[in-house]
């Protein structure tokens, strides 16, 4: 029994912070947006419990699905692949990433059933937990049997490369996905720019951002890319052009190597703190 072909859904560009988890090795640079996920088809199974849990997830009640599955999934002795997969999907909806891994890790069917959606869930869980997700992300992309799931998993692999600081690979995957996901293309281009430390290569990417809300992130993305590449002076200047003085001062602190530079920086911080604070600075 396999799922039917998956389709993708482009997420709305809700403004949420990139790289919020303290477990992340490198903050992901670029666009702040909910990136797309694979759309799951209705679970085709004879297991009535799995069908009921699947319906609850689709109705926006993933925690309820977890509750009804708990007696079976607590010890995993009676857990079929269908129950493990739907349980992992439910847990992913309330960000129970440790539970996702508990249910799926080591399962022999991950790469031959359900279009690899279990492997995709594992890759997402490792990414969110701040653990190396490269093997799972690569396998998930290999497992994809349709273009919809393939492009979503390319975004996941791009984020994994981003987090691992393998920036050229991250940029390549972000841009390849952007070409196939027009509704979030500008956000993916921002992310590609954010991992492109060569300013000459980054400028054309940023110039092609058209969505107004994404264009508002261009200066910040340029600043983050400069900081990530070690250009602290350029990053501070870019943050200032964007009106983000606290970030400019933070970056300057990274390059203050001697007492003279530190005293000068402390003076600028004192001047800044004596000014009336704007809501964003507060």
C-alpha atoms as a PDB file:
ATOM      1  CA  UNK A   1       0.000   0.000   0.000  1.00  0.00           C
ATOM      2  CA  UNK A   2       1.427   3.393  -1.016  1.00  0.00           C
ATOM      3  CA  UNK A   3       0.264   7.000  -0.941  1.00  0.00           C
ATOM      4  CA  UNK A   4      -0.956   8.506  -4.190  1.00  0.00           C
ATOM      5  CA  UNK A   5       1.182  11.217  -5.820  1.00  0.00           C
ATOM      6  CA  UNK A   6       1.820  14.203  -3.566  1.00  0.00           C
ATOM      7  CA  UNK A   7       1.237  17.822  -4.474  1.00  0.00           C
ATOM      8  CA  UNK A   8       2.956  20.751  -2.902  1.00  0.00           C
ATOM      9  CA  UNK A   9       1.486  23.870  -1.357  1.00  0.00           C
ATOM     10  CA  UNK A  10       3.306  27.152  -1.258  1.00  0.00           C
ATOM     11  CA  UNK A  11       3.087  28.690   2.200  1.00  0.00           C
ATOM     12  CA  UNK A  12       1.927  32.206   2.852  1.00  0.00           C
ATOM     13  CA  UNK A  13       4.789  34.529   3.599  1.00  0.00           C
ATOM     14  CA  UNK A  14       4.098  35.003   7.307  1.00  0.00           C
ATOM     15  CA  UNK A  15       6.786  37.075   8.914  1.00  0.00           C
ATOM     16  CA  UNK A  16       8.567  34.813  11.375  1.00  0.00           C
ATOM     17  CA  UNK A  17      12.185  34.944  12.477  1.00  0.00           C
ATOM     18  CA  UNK A  18      14.753  32.726  10.813  1.00  0.00           C
ATOM     19  CA  UNK A  19      17.079  30.749  13.021  1.00  0.00           C
ATOM     20  CA  UNK A  20      15.283  31.213  16.334  1.00  0.00           C
ATOM     21  CA  UNK A  21      16.391  27.968  17.916  1.00  0.00           C
ATOM     22  CA  UNK A  22      19.426  28.254  20.172  1.00  0.00           C
ATOM     23  CA  UNK A  23      20.425  24.757  19.046  1.00  0.00           C
ATOM     24  CA  UNK A  24      21.246  25.954  15.545  1.00  0.00           C
ATOM     25  CA  UNK A  25      24.922  26.031  14.645  1.00  0.00           C
ATOM     26  CA  UNK A  26      24.515  28.795  12.053  1.00  0.00           C
ATOM     27  CA  UNK A  27      21.626  31.164  11.772  1.00  0.00           C
ATOM     28  CA  UNK A  28      19.903  30.730   8.450  1.00  0.00           C
ATOM     29  CA  UNK A  29      20.269  33.915   6.448  1.00  0.00           C
ATOM     30  CA  UNK A  30      17.861  35.653   4.164  1.00  0.00           C
ATOM     31  CA  UNK A  31      14.110  35.716   3.881  1.00  0.00           C
ATOM     32  CA  UNK A  32      11.833  35.396   6.857  1.00  0.00           C
ATOM     33  CA  UNK A  33       8.936  33.272   5.671  1.00  0.00           C
ATOM     34  CA  UNK A  34       7.164  30.036   6.315  1.00  0.00           C
ATOM     35  CA  UNK A  35       8.586  27.809   3.619  1.00  0.00           C
ATOM     36  CA  UNK A  36       6.411  25.226   1.853  1.00  0.00           C
ATOM     37  CA  UNK A  37       5.809  21.678   2.976  1.00  0.00           C
ATOM     38  CA  UNK A  38       4.620  18.591   1.167  1.00  0.00           C
ATOM     39  CA  UNK A  39       0.836  18.268   1.152  1.00  0.00           C
ATOM     40  CA  UNK A  40      -0.134  14.869   2.497  1.00  0.00           C
ATOM     41  CA  UNK A  41      -2.894  12.942   0.681  1.00  0.00           C
ATOM     42  CA  UNK A  42      -5.585  11.194   2.660  1.00  0.00           C
ATOM     43  CA  UNK A  43      -4.182   8.090   4.321  1.00  0.00           C
ATOM     44  CA  UNK A  44      -5.370   4.991   2.466  1.00  0.00           C
ATOM     45  CA  UNK A  45      -5.479   2.198   5.022  1.00  0.00           C
ATOM     46  CA  UNK A  46      -7.786  -0.434   6.515  1.00  0.00           C
ATOM     47  CA  UNK A  47      -6.668   0.587  10.010  1.00  0.00           C
ATOM     48  CA  UNK A  48      -9.623   2.501  11.478  1.00  0.00           C
ATOM     49  CA  UNK A  49      -7.471   4.089  14.216  1.00  0.00           C
ATOM     50  CA  UNK A  50      -4.978   5.405  11.663  1.00  0.00           C
ATOM     51  CA  UNK A  51      -7.842   6.766   9.519  1.00  0.00           C
ATOM     52  CA  UNK A  52      -9.378   8.529  12.526  1.00  0.00           C
ATOM     53  CA  UNK A  53      -6.051  10.094  13.523  1.00  0.00           C
ATOM     54  CA  UNK A  54      -5.449  11.173   9.922  1.00  0.00           C
ATOM     55  CA  UNK A  55      -8.855  12.882   9.852  1.00  0.00           C
ATOM     56  CA  UNK A  56      -8.117  14.716  13.091  1.00  0.00           C
ATOM     57  CA  UNK A  57      -4.815  16.019  11.721  1.00  0.00           C
ATOM     58  CA  UNK A  58      -6.601  17.318   8.629  1.00  0.00           C
ATOM     59  CA  UNK A  59      -9.185  18.987  10.835  1.00  0.00           C
ATOM     60  CA  UNK A  60      -6.437  20.907  12.625  1.00  0.00           C
ATOM     61  CA  UNK A  61      -6.499  18.755  15.788  1.00  0.00           C
ATOM     62  CA  UNK A  62      -3.083  17.043  15.793  1.00  0.00           C
ATOM     63  CA  UNK A  63      -2.827  16.893  19.585  1.00  0.00           C
ATOM     64  CA  UNK A  64      -6.127  15.009  19.743  1.00  0.00           C
ATOM     65  CA  UNK A  65      -4.726  12.602  17.146  1.00  0.00           C
ATOM     66  CA  UNK A  66      -1.669  12.068  19.356  1.00  0.00           C
ATOM     67  CA  UNK A  67      -3.891  11.376  22.358  1.00  0.00           C
ATOM     68  CA  UNK A  68      -5.941   8.672  20.648  1.00  0.00           C
ATOM     69  CA  UNK A  69      -2.788   7.047  19.245  1.00  0.00           C
ATOM     70  CA  UNK A  70      -0.935   7.125  22.562  1.00  0.00           C
ATOM     71  CA  UNK A  71      -2.092   3.712  23.900  1.00  0.00           C
ATOM     72  CA  UNK A  72      -0.758   1.972  20.780  1.00  0.00           C
ATOM     73  CA  UNK A  73       2.361   4.079  20.241  1.00  0.00           C
ATOM     74  CA  UNK A  74       3.491   4.208  23.852  1.00  0.00           C
ATOM     75  CA  UNK A  75       5.501   0.973  23.604  1.00  0.00           C
ATOM     76  CA  UNK A  76       5.483   0.570  19.787  1.00  0.00           C
ATOM     77  CA  UNK A  77       4.892  -3.196  20.072  1.00  0.00           C
ATOM     78  CA  UNK A  78       1.663  -2.975  18.051  1.00  0.00           C
ATOM     79  CA  UNK A  79       2.672  -0.014  15.911  1.00  0.00           C
ATOM     80  CA  UNK A  80       2.206  -0.667  12.210  1.00  0.00           C
ATOM     81  CA  UNK A  81       3.951   1.552   9.632  1.00  0.00           C
ATOM     82  CA  UNK A  82       0.653   3.396   9.083  1.00  0.00           C
ATOM     83  CA  UNK A  83       0.269   4.156  12.795  1.00  0.00           C
ATOM     84  CA  UNK A  84       3.908   5.212  13.145  1.00  0.00           C
ATOM     85  CA  UNK A  85       3.636   7.537  10.147  1.00  0.00           C
ATOM     86  CA  UNK A  86       0.364   9.181  11.147  1.00  0.00           C
ATOM     87  CA  UNK A  87       1.645   9.496  14.720  1.00  0.00           C
ATOM     88  CA  UNK A  88       4.785  11.224  13.446  1.00  0.00           C
ATOM     89  CA  UNK A  89       2.705  13.555  11.287  1.00  0.00           C
ATOM     90  CA  UNK A  90       0.575  14.488  14.281  1.00  0.00           C
ATOM     91  CA  UNK A  91       3.655  15.127  16.431  1.00  0.00           C
ATOM     92  CA  UNK A  92       5.226  17.295  13.722  1.00  0.00           C
ATOM     93  CA  UNK A  93       2.154  19.543  13.739  1.00  0.00           C
ATOM     94  CA  UNK A  94       2.665  20.400  17.429  1.00  0.00           C
ATOM     95  CA  UNK A  95       6.468  20.407  16.993  1.00  0.00           C
ATOM     96  CA  UNK A  96       7.070  17.241  18.949  1.00  0.00           C
ATOM     97  CA  UNK A  97      10.264  16.514  17.048  1.00  0.00           C
ATOM     98  CA  UNK A  98      11.690  14.040  19.562  1.00  0.00           C
ATOM     99  CA  UNK A  99       8.500  12.011  19.212  1.00  0.00           C
ATOM    100  CA  UNK A 100       8.842  12.091  15.417  1.00  0.00           C
ATOM    101  CA  UNK A 101      12.311  10.587  15.691  1.00  0.00           C
ATOM    102  CA  UNK A 102      11.202   7.986  18.259  1.00  0.00           C
ATOM    103  CA  UNK A 103       8.461   6.753  15.953  1.00  0.00           C
ATOM    104  CA  UNK A 104      10.427   6.700  12.694  1.00  0.00           C
ATOM    105  CA  UNK A 105      14.135   6.251  13.289  1.00  0.00           C
ATOM    106  CA  UNK A 106      15.462   2.936  11.979  1.00  0.00           C
ATOM    107  CA  UNK A 107      12.248   1.816  10.279  1.00  0.00           C
ATOM    108  CA  UNK A 108      13.004  -0.400   7.252  1.00  0.00           C
ATOM    109  CA  UNK A 109      10.093   0.934   5.191  1.00  0.00           C
ATOM    110  CA  UNK A 110      11.089   4.618   5.272  1.00  0.00           C
ATOM    111  CA  UNK A 111      12.687   4.672   1.830  1.00  0.00           C
ATOM    112  CA  UNK A 112      10.338   2.343  -0.012  1.00  0.00           C
ATOM    113  CA  UNK A 113       6.864   3.310   1.208  1.00  0.00           C
ATOM    114  CA  UNK A 114       4.677   6.426   1.241  1.00  0.00           C
ATOM    115  CA  UNK A 115       6.803   8.352  -1.267  1.00  0.00           C
ATOM    116  CA  UNK A 116       9.477   8.765   1.410  1.00  0.00           C
ATOM    117  CA  UNK A 117       7.268  11.041   3.518  1.00  0.00           C
ATOM    118  CA  UNK A 118       8.513   9.357   6.698  1.00  0.00           C
ATOM    119  CA  UNK A 119      12.086  10.181   5.709  1.00  0.00           C
ATOM    120  CA  UNK A 120      11.034  13.782   5.038  1.00  0.00           C
ATOM    121  CA  UNK A 121       9.554  14.010   8.530  1.00  0.00           C
ATOM    122  CA  UNK A 122      12.797  12.667   9.981  1.00  0.00           C
ATOM    123  CA  UNK A 123      14.827  15.252   8.081  1.00  0.00           C
ATOM    124  CA  UNK A 124      12.587  18.030   9.365  1.00  0.00           C
ATOM    125  CA  UNK A 125      12.831  16.739  12.924  1.00  0.00           C
ATOM    126  CA  UNK A 126      16.635  16.624  12.823  1.00  0.00           C
ATOM    127  CA  UNK A 127      16.700  20.125  11.362  1.00  0.00           C
ATOM    128  CA  UNK A 128      14.476  21.494  14.108  1.00  0.00           C
ATOM    129  CA  UNK A 129      16.401  19.683  16.836  1.00  0.00           C
ATOM    130  CA  UNK A 130      19.679  21.177  15.650  1.00  0.00           C
ATOM    131  CA  UNK A 131      21.152  17.776  14.807  1.00  0.00           C
ATOM    132  CA  UNK A 132      22.841  16.923  11.501  1.00  0.00           C
ATOM    133  CA  UNK A 133      20.002  16.234   9.072  1.00  0.00           C
ATOM    134  CA  UNK A 134      22.127  15.779   5.946  1.00  0.00           C
ATOM    135  CA  UNK A 135      21.711  11.972   5.524  1.00  0.00           C
ATOM    136  CA  UNK A 136      17.937  12.080   6.049  1.00  0.00           C
ATOM    137  CA  UNK A 137      17.472  15.145   3.827  1.00  0.00           C
ATOM    138  CA  UNK A 138      19.439  13.580   0.979  1.00  0.00           C
ATOM    139  CA  UNK A 139      17.547  10.294   1.215  1.00  0.00           C
ATOM    140  CA  UNK A 140      14.199  12.121   1.361  1.00  0.00           C
ATOM    141  CA  UNK A 141      15.045  13.912  -1.894  1.00  0.00           C
ATOM    142  CA  UNK A 142      16.101  10.634  -3.531  1.00  0.00           C
ATOM    143  CA  UNK A 143      12.850   8.991  -2.358  1.00  0.00           C
ATOM    144  CA  UNK A 144      10.594  11.604  -3.978  1.00  0.00           C
ATOM    145  CA  UNK A 145       8.574  10.159  -6.839  1.00  0.00           C
ATOM    146  CA  UNK A 146       6.791  13.324  -7.987  1.00  0.00           C
ATOM    147  CA  UNK A 147       7.840  16.890  -8.710  1.00  0.00           C
ATOM    148  CA  UNK A 148       5.801  18.375  -5.865  1.00  0.00           C
ATOM    149  CA  UNK A 149       7.494  16.467  -3.069  1.00  0.00           C
ATOM    150  CA  UNK A 150      10.860  16.699  -4.845  1.00  0.00           C
ATOM    151  CA  UNK A 151      10.968  20.499  -4.828  1.00  0.00           C
ATOM    152  CA  UNK A 152       9.824  20.737  -1.197  1.00  0.00           C
ATOM    153  CA  UNK A 153      12.593  18.359  -0.158  1.00  0.00           C
ATOM    154  CA  UNK A 154      15.063  20.411  -2.139  1.00  0.00           C
ATOM    155  CA  UNK A 155      14.160  23.348   0.118  1.00  0.00           C
ATOM    156  CA  UNK A 156      14.704  21.141   3.178  1.00  0.00           C
ATOM    157  CA  UNK A 157      18.108  20.068   1.851  1.00  0.00           C
ATOM    158  CA  UNK A 158      18.960  23.716   1.159  1.00  0.00           C
ATOM    159  CA  UNK A 159      18.170  24.575   4.781  1.00  0.00           C
ATOM    160  CA  UNK A 160      20.320  21.677   5.969  1.00  0.00           C
ATOM    161  CA  UNK A 161      23.256  22.939   3.882  1.00  0.00           C
ATOM    162  CA  UNK A 162      22.538  26.462   5.164  1.00  0.00           C
ATOM    163  CA  UNK A 163      22.714  25.244   8.753  1.00  0.00           C
ATOM    164  CA  UNK A 164      25.883  23.249   8.040  1.00  0.00           C
ATOM    165  CA  UNK A 165      27.469  26.377   6.497  1.00  0.00           C
ATOM    166  CA  UNK A 166      27.986  24.652   3.135  1.00  0.00           C
ATOM    167  CA  UNK A 167      26.847  27.854   1.522  1.00  0.00           C
ATOM    168  CA  UNK A 168      27.376  27.212  -2.185  1.00  0.00           C
ATOM    169  CA  UNK A 169      25.247  24.057  -2.013  1.00  0.00           C
ATOM    170  CA  UNK A 170      22.583  25.865   0.020  1.00  0.00           C
ATOM    171  CA  UNK A 171      22.384  28.686  -2.534  1.00  0.00           C
ATOM    172  CA  UNK A 172      22.156  26.264  -5.455  1.00  0.00           C
ATOM    173  CA  UNK A 173      19.269  24.331  -3.878  1.00  0.00           C
ATOM    174  CA  UNK A 174      17.421  27.506  -2.814  1.00  0.00           C
ATOM    175  CA  UNK A 175      17.615  28.914  -6.342  1.00  0.00           C
ATOM    176  CA  UNK A 176      16.603  25.635  -7.980  1.00  0.00           C
ATOM    177  CA  UNK A 177      13.532  25.499  -5.730  1.00  0.00           C
ATOM    178  CA  UNK A 178      12.743  29.181  -6.344  1.00  0.00           C
ATOM    179  CA  UNK A 179      12.420  28.464 -10.068  1.00  0.00           C
ATOM    180  CA  UNK A 180       9.633  25.960  -9.319  1.00  0.00           C
ATOM    181  CA  UNK A 181       7.869  27.707  -6.419  1.00  0.00           C
ATOM    182  CA  UNK A 182       6.851  31.125  -7.779  1.00  0.00           C
ATOM    183  CA  UNK A 183       4.668  32.025  -4.787  1.00  0.00           C
ATOM    184  CA  UNK A 184       7.655  31.944  -2.422  1.00  0.00           C
ATOM    185  CA  UNK A 185      10.402  32.521  -4.988  1.00  0.00           C
ATOM    186  CA  UNK A 186      11.452  35.914  -3.601  1.00  0.00           C
ATOM    187  CA  UNK A 187      11.870  34.476  -0.111  1.00  0.00           C
ATOM    188  CA  UNK A 188      13.990  31.635  -1.460  1.00  0.00           C
ATOM    189  CA  UNK A 189      16.092  34.114  -3.450  1.00  0.00           C
ATOM    190  CA  UNK A 190      16.624  36.080  -0.241  1.00  0.00           C
ATOM    191  CA  UNK A 191      17.832  32.926   1.464  1.00  0.00           C
ATOM    192  CA  UNK A 192      20.166  32.214  -1.458  1.00  0.00           C
ATOM    193  CA  UNK A 193      21.521  35.752  -1.188  1.00  0.00           C
ATOM    194  CA  UNK A 194      21.965  35.302   2.536  1.00  0.00           C
ATOM    195  CA  UNK A 195      24.422  32.434   1.982  1.00  0.00           C
ATOM    196  CA  UNK A 196      26.264  34.210  -0.846  1.00  0.00           C
ATOM    197  CA  UNK A 197      29.180  36.001   0.802  1.00  0.00           C
ATOM    198  CA  UNK A 198      30.596  37.387  -2.465  1.00  0.00           C
ATOM    199  CA  UNK A 199      28.936  40.810  -2.713  1.00  0.00           C
ATOM    200  CA  UNK A 200      29.315  40.892  -6.495  1.00  0.00           C
ATOM    201  CA  UNK A 201      27.394  37.621  -6.794  1.00  0.00           C
ATOM    202  CA  UNK A 202      24.867  38.629  -4.128  1.00  0.00           C
ATOM    203  CA  UNK A 203      23.877  41.976  -5.675  1.00  0.00           C
ATOM    204  CA  UNK A 204      22.101  40.506  -8.750  1.00  0.00           C
ATOM    205  CA  UNK A 205      20.118  38.140  -6.520  1.00  0.00           C
ATOM    206  CA  UNK A 206      18.930  40.990  -4.301  1.00  0.00           C
ATOM    207  CA  UNK A 207      18.119  43.196  -7.292  1.00  0.00           C
ATOM    208  CA  UNK A 208      15.625  40.602  -8.562  1.00  0.00           C
ATOM    209  CA  UNK A 209      13.502  40.659  -5.391  1.00  0.00           C
ATOM    210  CA  UNK A 210      10.138  42.158  -6.408  1.00  0.00           C
ATOM    211  CA  UNK A 211       7.645  41.387  -3.609  1.00  0.00           C
ATOM    212  CA  UNK A 212       7.436  44.559  -1.463  1.00  0.00           C
ATOM    213  CA  UNK A 213       7.434  42.727   1.876  1.00  0.00           C
ATOM    214  CA  UNK A 214      10.448  40.702   0.746  1.00  0.00           C
ATOM    215  CA  UNK A 215      12.231  43.806  -0.565  1.00  0.00           C
ATOM    216  CA  UNK A 216      11.978  45.227   2.944  1.00  0.00           C
ATOM    217  CA  UNK A 217      14.361  42.413   3.979  1.00  0.00           C
ATOM    218  CA  UNK A 218      17.037  43.155   1.365  1.00  0.00           C
ATOM    219  CA  UNK A 219      19.256  45.374   3.524  1.00  0.00           C
ATOM    220  CA  UNK A 220      19.032  43.003   6.492  1.00  0.00           C
ATOM    221  CA  UNK A 221      19.855  40.036   4.267  1.00  0.00           C
ATOM    222  CA  UNK A 222      22.852  41.859   2.806  1.00  0.00           C
ATOM    223  CA  UNK A 223      24.034  42.695   6.324  1.00  0.00           C
ATOM    224  CA  UNK A 224      23.613  39.107   7.537  1.00  0.00           C
ATOM    225  CA  UNK A 225      25.523  37.759   4.535  1.00  0.00           C
ATOM    226  CA  UNK A 226      28.381  40.217   5.157  1.00  0.00           C
ATOM    227  CA  UNK A 227      28.505  39.253   8.830  1.00  0.00           C
ATOM    228  CA  UNK A 228      28.466  35.580   7.976  1.00  0.00           C
ATOM    229  CA  UNK A 229      31.369  36.084   5.579  1.00  0.00           C
ATOM    230  CA  UNK A 230      33.412  37.958   8.181  1.00  0.00           C
ATOM    231  CA  UNK A 231      32.938  41.436   6.673  1.00  0.00           C
ATOM    232  CA  UNK A 232      31.974  43.037   9.987  1.00  0.00           C
ATOM    233  CA  UNK A 233      32.604  46.620   8.831  1.00  0.00           C
ATOM    234  CA  UNK A 234      30.381  46.155   5.789  1.00  0.00           C
ATOM    235  CA  UNK A 235      27.755  44.371   7.868  1.00  0.00           C
ATOM    236  CA  UNK A 236      27.626  47.186  10.422  1.00  0.00           C
ATOM    237  CA  UNK A 237      27.234  49.748   7.633  1.00  0.00           C
ATOM    238  CA  UNK A 238      24.436  47.704   6.032  1.00  0.00           C
ATOM    239  CA  UNK A 239      22.606  47.329   9.346  1.00  0.00           C
ATOM    240  CA  UNK A 240      22.838  51.104   9.842  1.00  0.00           C
ATOM    241  CA  UNK A 241      21.454  51.786   6.373  1.00  0.00           C
ATOM    242  CA  UNK A 242      18.523  49.636   7.389  1.00  0.00           C
ATOM    243  CA  UNK A 243      18.044  51.580  10.625  1.00  0.00           C
ATOM    244  CA  UNK A 244      19.158  48.705  12.865  1.00  0.00           C
ATOM    245  CA  UNK A 245      21.686  50.388  15.151  1.00  0.00           C
ATOM    246  CA  UNK A 246      21.711  47.660  17.851  1.00  0.00           C
ATOM    247  CA  UNK A 247      22.724  45.038  15.271  1.00  0.00           C
ATOM    248  CA  UNK A 248      25.356  47.401  13.862  1.00  0.00           C
ATOM    249  CA  UNK A 249      26.855  47.831  17.335  1.00  0.00           C
ATOM    250  CA  UNK A 250      26.723  44.086  17.955  1.00  0.00           C
ATOM    251  CA  UNK A 251      28.635  43.382  14.753  1.00  0.00           C
ATOM    252  CA  UNK A 252      31.178  46.087  15.535  1.00  0.00           C
ATOM    253  CA  UNK A 253      31.853  44.361  18.832  1.00  0.00           C
ATOM    254  CA  UNK A 254      32.985  41.284  16.882  1.00  0.00           C
ATOM    255  CA  UNK A 255      35.733  43.264  15.153  1.00  0.00           C
ATOM    256  CA  UNK A 256      36.872  45.360  18.143  1.00  0.00           C
ATOM    257  CA  UNK A 257      40.235  43.662  18.703  1.00  0.00           C
ATOM    258  CA  UNK A 258      42.118  46.141  20.899  1.00  0.00           C
ATOM    259  CA  UNK A 259      41.456  48.461  23.823  1.00  0.00           C
ATOM    260  CA  UNK A 260      41.242  51.575  21.648  1.00  0.00           C
ATOM    261  CA  UNK A 261      38.574  50.020  19.423  1.00  0.00           C
ATOM    262  CA  UNK A 262      36.665  48.695  22.428  1.00  0.00           C
ATOM    263  CA  UNK A 263      36.656  52.098  24.158  1.00  0.00           C
ATOM    264  CA  UNK A 264      35.436  53.766  20.987  1.00  0.00           C
ATOM    265  CA  UNK A 265      32.673  51.167  20.666  1.00  0.00           C
ATOM    266  CA  UNK A 266      31.680  51.601  24.321  1.00  0.00           C
ATOM    267  CA  UNK A 267      31.349  55.334  23.688  1.00  0.00           C
ATOM    268  CA  UNK A 268      29.055  54.749  20.703  1.00  0.00           C
ATOM    269  CA  UNK A 269      26.943  52.352  22.758  1.00  0.00           C
ATOM    270  CA  UNK A 270      26.590  54.933  25.551  1.00  0.00           C
ATOM    271  CA  UNK A 271      25.537  57.603  23.053  1.00  0.00           C
ATOM    272  CA  UNK A 272      22.985  55.222  21.596  1.00  0.00           C
ATOM    273  CA  UNK A 273      21.586  54.259  25.006  1.00  0.00           C
ATOM    274  CA  UNK A 274      21.116  57.924  25.955  1.00  0.00           C
ATOM    275  CA  UNK A 275      18.796  58.514  23.012  1.00  0.00           C
ATOM    276  CA  UNK A 276      15.033  57.936  23.284  1.00  0.00           C
ATOM    277  CA  UNK A 277      14.420  54.365  22.202  1.00  0.00           C
ATOM    278  CA  UNK A 278      12.174  53.522  19.286  1.00  0.00           C
ATOM    279  CA  UNK A 279       9.768  50.590  19.746  1.00  0.00           C
ATOM    280  CA  UNK A 280      11.989  48.311  17.613  1.00  0.00           C
ATOM    281  CA  UNK A 281      15.143  49.275  19.535  1.00  0.00           C
ATOM    282  CA  UNK A 282      13.358  48.652  22.835  1.00  0.00           C
END
